[in-house]
Amino acid sequence: MNSEKSYIIEEEQEEIESLFFDSYAFFEILEGNKNYIYYRDNYKIITSKLNIFEIYFGVLRNDNESDANKILEKYYPFAVDFDEKVIADAAKLKMRLNKRDVSVVDCIGYSLALRLGVKFLTGDRVFEGMENVEFVV
């Protein structure tokens, strides 16, 4: 019987930073904006089911159902759920930003990003200069 010990050597894996991708970011990626493609290629994507809905609807309206289904299949796995605290925080944010005409989906996404401890990736001017936002044009 061989008494040699077997060791498993785990390679150190560099953790990829995550960002919450707003619908704006996805549409920029679909348009081929190199500034956003950089983020797609170098960061882990997190988004919400509501953002996936906005993307699907936009592609369905402007292109076709086949393309919309491809987008849904590609990006749905990155969608995360949210709880009642995110809903409450998003509603408070919407009230605070009321004059900026920010959408409910954007408020939920931003609040979810804060909750998850990741930056909110967008180019939506409503969020320019706000804390925890990776603002890209």
C-alpha atoms as a PDB file:
ATOM      1  CA  MET A   1       0.000   0.000   0.000  1.00  0.00           C
ATOM      2  CA  ASN A   2       1.441   3.352  -1.003  1.00  0.00           C
ATOM      3  CA  SER A   3       1.477   5.848   1.857  1.00  0.00           C
ATOM      4  CA  GLU A   4       2.281   8.827  -0.351  1.00  0.00           C
ATOM      5  CA  LYS A   5      -0.007  11.744   0.297  1.00  0.00           C
ATOM      6  CA  SER A   6      -1.829  13.266  -2.605  1.00  0.00           C
ATOM      7  CA  TYR A   7      -2.053  17.031  -2.631  1.00  0.00           C
ATOM      8  CA  ILE A   8      -4.377  19.045  -4.736  1.00  0.00           C
ATOM      9  CA  ILE A   9      -2.810  22.310  -5.761  1.00  0.00           C
ATOM     10  CA  GLU A  10      -5.341  24.976  -6.493  1.00  0.00           C
ATOM     11  CA  GLU A  11      -4.217  27.722  -8.779  1.00  0.00           C
ATOM     12  CA  GLU A  12      -4.939  31.174  -7.540  1.00  0.00           C
ATOM     13  CA  GLN A  13      -7.689  32.595  -9.630  1.00  0.00           C
ATOM     14  CA  GLU A  14      -8.000  36.301  -9.998  1.00  0.00           C
ATOM     15  CA  GLU A  15     -11.486  37.353  -9.004  1.00  0.00           C
ATOM     16  CA  ILE A  16     -13.246  39.301 -11.716  1.00  0.00           C
ATOM     17  CA  GLU A  17     -14.893  42.478 -10.487  1.00  0.00           C
ATOM     18  CA  SER A  18     -18.656  42.663 -10.960  1.00  0.00           C
ATOM     19  CA  LEU A  19     -20.768  45.582 -12.132  1.00  0.00           C
ATOM     20  CA  PHE A  20     -24.502  46.047 -12.303  1.00  0.00           C
ATOM     21  CA  PHE A  21     -25.293  46.638 -15.980  1.00  0.00           C
ATOM     22  CA  ASP A  22     -28.171  49.056 -16.486  1.00  0.00           C
ATOM     23  CA  SER A  23     -30.334  48.620 -19.602  1.00  0.00           C
ATOM     24  CA  TYR A  24     -28.514  51.638 -21.027  1.00  0.00           C
ATOM     25  CA  ALA A  25     -25.256  49.678 -20.874  1.00  0.00           C
ATOM     26  CA  PHE A  26     -26.753  46.708 -22.715  1.00  0.00           C
ATOM     27  CA  PHE A  27     -28.153  48.896 -25.486  1.00  0.00           C
ATOM     28  CA  GLU A  28     -24.735  50.534 -25.903  1.00  0.00           C
ATOM     29  CA  ILE A  29     -23.143  47.078 -26.148  1.00  0.00           C
ATOM     30  CA  LEU A  30     -25.685  46.080 -28.795  1.00  0.00           C
ATOM     31  CA  GLU A  31     -24.878  49.275 -30.717  1.00  0.00           C
ATOM     32  CA  GLY A  32     -21.179  48.374 -30.653  1.00  0.00           C
ATOM     33  CA  ASN A  33     -19.999  51.147 -28.304  1.00  0.00           C
ATOM     34  CA  LYS A  34     -16.382  50.152 -27.596  1.00  0.00           C
ATOM     35  CA  ASN A  35     -16.448  51.879 -24.220  1.00  0.00           C
ATOM     36  CA  TYR A  36     -19.177  49.478 -23.056  1.00  0.00           C
ATOM     37  CA  ILE A  37     -17.788  46.443 -24.849  1.00  0.00           C
ATOM     38  CA  TYR A  38     -14.699  46.897 -22.662  1.00  0.00           C
ATOM     39  CA  TYR A  39     -16.874  46.463 -19.557  1.00  0.00           C
ATOM     40  CA  ARG A  40     -18.701  43.457 -21.052  1.00  0.00           C
ATOM     41  CA  ASP A  41     -15.367  41.773 -21.739  1.00  0.00           C
ATOM     42  CA  ASN A  42     -13.624  42.632 -18.463  1.00  0.00           C
ATOM     43  CA  TYR A  43     -16.276  42.563 -15.743  1.00  0.00           C
ATOM     44  CA  LYS A  44     -18.779  40.079 -14.442  1.00  0.00           C
ATOM     45  CA  ILE A  45     -22.280  41.134 -15.479  1.00  0.00           C
ATOM     46  CA  ILE A  46     -25.060  41.482 -12.937  1.00  0.00           C
ATOM     47  CA  THR A  47     -28.481  42.845 -13.860  1.00  0.00           C
ATOM     48  CA  SER A  48     -32.139  42.429 -12.922  1.00  0.00           C
ATOM     49  CA  LYS A  49     -35.015  40.654 -14.619  1.00  0.00           C
ATOM     50  CA  LEU A  50     -36.598  44.067 -15.135  1.00  0.00           C
ATOM     51  CA  ASN A  51     -33.540  45.219 -17.093  1.00  0.00           C
ATOM     52  CA  ILE A  52     -33.744  42.050 -19.163  1.00  0.00           C
ATOM     53  CA  PHE A  53     -37.381  42.926 -19.877  1.00  0.00           C
ATOM     54  CA  GLU A  54     -36.381  46.417 -21.077  1.00  0.00           C
ATOM     55  CA  ILE A  55     -33.692  45.007 -23.357  1.00  0.00           C
ATOM     56  CA  TYR A  56     -35.992  42.329 -24.759  1.00  0.00           C
ATOM     57  CA  PHE A  57     -38.749  44.859 -25.391  1.00  0.00           C
ATOM     58  CA  GLY A  58     -36.375  47.321 -27.037  1.00  0.00           C
ATOM     59  CA  VAL A  59     -34.933  44.724 -29.387  1.00  0.00           C
ATOM     60  CA  LEU A  60     -38.394  43.317 -30.116  1.00  0.00           C
ATOM     61  CA  ARG A  61     -39.703  46.800 -30.951  1.00  0.00           C
ATOM     62  CA  ASN A  62     -36.704  47.944 -33.017  1.00  0.00           C
ATOM     63  CA  ASP A  63     -35.506  44.701 -34.589  1.00  0.00           C
ATOM     64  CA  ASN A  64     -37.354  41.392 -34.402  1.00  0.00           C
ATOM     65  CA  GLU A  65     -38.453  38.594 -32.113  1.00  0.00           C
ATOM     66  CA  SER A  66     -35.646  36.264 -33.160  1.00  0.00           C
ATOM     67  CA  ASP A  67     -32.975  38.796 -32.121  1.00  0.00           C
ATOM     68  CA  ALA A  68     -34.883  39.559 -28.919  1.00  0.00           C
ATOM     69  CA  ASN A  69     -34.922  35.853 -28.046  1.00  0.00           C
ATOM     70  CA  LYS A  70     -31.161  35.596 -28.643  1.00  0.00           C
ATOM     71  CA  ILE A  71     -30.572  38.533 -26.295  1.00  0.00           C
ATOM     72  CA  LEU A  72     -32.864  36.977 -23.701  1.00  0.00           C
ATOM     73  CA  GLU A  73     -31.004  33.673 -23.876  1.00  0.00           C
ATOM     74  CA  LYS A  74     -27.589  35.351 -23.687  1.00  0.00           C
ATOM     75  CA  TYR A  75     -28.214  37.769 -20.817  1.00  0.00           C
ATOM     76  CA  TYR A  76     -30.968  36.197 -18.693  1.00  0.00           C
ATOM     77  CA  PRO A  77     -28.457  34.052 -16.747  1.00  0.00           C
ATOM     78  CA  PHE A  78     -26.968  37.282 -15.336  1.00  0.00           C
ATOM     79  CA  ALA A  79     -30.292  38.444 -13.866  1.00  0.00           C
ATOM     80  CA  VAL A  80     -30.635  38.400 -10.099  1.00  0.00           C
ATOM     81  CA  ASP A  81     -33.713  38.783  -7.959  1.00  0.00           C
ATOM     82  CA  PHE A  82     -34.303  41.439  -5.329  1.00  0.00           C
ATOM     83  CA  ASP A  83     -36.121  41.628  -2.032  1.00  0.00           C
ATOM     84  CA  GLU A  84     -38.462  44.029  -0.274  1.00  0.00           C
ATOM     85  CA  LYS A  85     -35.585  46.139   1.071  1.00  0.00           C
ATOM     86  CA  VAL A  86     -34.470  46.917  -2.500  1.00  0.00           C
ATOM     87  CA  ILE A  87     -38.071  47.820  -3.365  1.00  0.00           C
ATOM     88  CA  ALA A  88     -38.299  50.201  -0.403  1.00  0.00           C
ATOM     89  CA  ASP A  89     -34.899  51.748  -1.131  1.00  0.00           C
ATOM     90  CA  ALA A  90     -35.797  52.166  -4.815  1.00  0.00           C
ATOM     91  CA  ALA A  91     -39.064  53.913  -3.953  1.00  0.00           C
ATOM     92  CA  LYS A  92     -37.232  56.326  -1.640  1.00  0.00           C
ATOM     93  CA  LEU A  93     -34.655  56.977  -4.370  1.00  0.00           C
ATOM     94  CA  LYS A  94     -37.425  57.666  -6.898  1.00  0.00           C
ATOM     95  CA  MET A  95     -38.929  60.220  -4.515  1.00  0.00           C
ATOM     96  CA  ARG A  96     -35.530  61.879  -3.971  1.00  0.00           C
ATOM     97  CA  LEU A  97     -34.796  62.021  -7.703  1.00  0.00           C
ATOM     98  CA  ASN A  98     -38.344  62.868  -8.762  1.00  0.00           C
ATOM     99  CA  LYS A  99     -37.346  66.026 -10.636  1.00  0.00           C
ATOM    100  CA  ARG A 100     -34.809  64.031 -12.642  1.00  0.00           C
ATOM    101  CA  ASP A 101     -37.551  61.834 -14.174  1.00  0.00           C
ATOM    102  CA  VAL A 102     -35.815  58.559 -13.341  1.00  0.00           C
ATOM    103  CA  SER A 103     -37.544  55.263 -14.171  1.00  0.00           C
ATOM    104  CA  VAL A 104     -38.660  52.690 -11.625  1.00  0.00           C
ATOM    105  CA  VAL A 105     -36.424  50.071 -13.281  1.00  0.00           C
ATOM    106  CA  ASP A 106     -33.421  52.374 -12.941  1.00  0.00           C
ATOM    107  CA  CYS A 107     -34.186  53.025  -9.278  1.00  0.00           C
ATOM    108  CA  ILE A 108     -34.457  49.302  -8.581  1.00  0.00           C
ATOM    109  CA  GLY A 109     -31.244  48.591 -10.473  1.00  0.00           C
ATOM    110  CA  TYR A 110     -29.313  51.306  -8.665  1.00  0.00           C
ATOM    111  CA  SER A 111     -30.635  50.189  -5.266  1.00  0.00           C
ATOM    112  CA  LEU A 112     -29.837  46.567  -6.074  1.00  0.00           C
ATOM    113  CA  ALA A 113     -26.286  47.513  -7.080  1.00  0.00           C
ATOM    114  CA  LEU A 114     -25.825  49.279  -3.747  1.00  0.00           C
ATOM    115  CA  ARG A 115     -27.201  46.259  -1.910  1.00  0.00           C
ATOM    116  CA  LEU A 116     -24.845  43.914  -3.754  1.00  0.00           C
ATOM    117  CA  GLY A 117     -21.849  46.197  -3.195  1.00  0.00           C
ATOM    118  CA  VAL A 118     -21.129  46.720  -6.901  1.00  0.00           C
ATOM    119  CA  LYS A 119     -21.065  49.829  -9.064  1.00  0.00           C
ATOM    120  CA  PHE A 120     -23.981  50.719 -11.339  1.00  0.00           C
ATOM    121  CA  LEU A 121     -22.813  50.897 -14.974  1.00  0.00           C
ATOM    122  CA  THR A 122     -24.754  53.405 -17.069  1.00  0.00           C
ATOM    123  CA  GLY A 123     -24.520  56.406 -19.341  1.00  0.00           C
ATOM    124  CA  ASP A 124     -27.924  57.705 -18.332  1.00  0.00           C
ATOM    125  CA  ARG A 125     -27.407  61.387 -17.461  1.00  0.00           C
ATOM    126  CA  VAL A 126     -29.796  61.045 -14.524  1.00  0.00           C
ATOM    127  CA  PHE A 127     -27.022  59.170 -12.704  1.00  0.00           C
ATOM    128  CA  GLU A 128     -24.072  61.318 -13.734  1.00  0.00           C
ATOM    129  CA  GLY A 129     -22.067  62.360 -10.684  1.00  0.00           C
ATOM    130  CA  MET A 130     -23.928  60.079  -8.287  1.00  0.00           C
ATOM    131  CA  GLU A 131     -22.157  57.893  -5.760  1.00  0.00           C
ATOM    132  CA  ASN A 132     -21.554  54.256  -6.751  1.00  0.00           C
ATOM    133  CA  VAL A 133     -22.006  54.908 -10.484  1.00  0.00           C
ATOM    134  CA  GLU A 134     -19.607  53.948 -13.240  1.00  0.00           C
ATOM    135  CA  PHE A 135     -20.705  56.616 -15.726  1.00  0.00           C
ATOM    136  CA  VAL A 136     -19.590  55.900 -19.282  1.00  0.00           C
ATOM    137  CA  VAL A 137     -20.456  57.639 -22.556  1.00  0.00           C
END
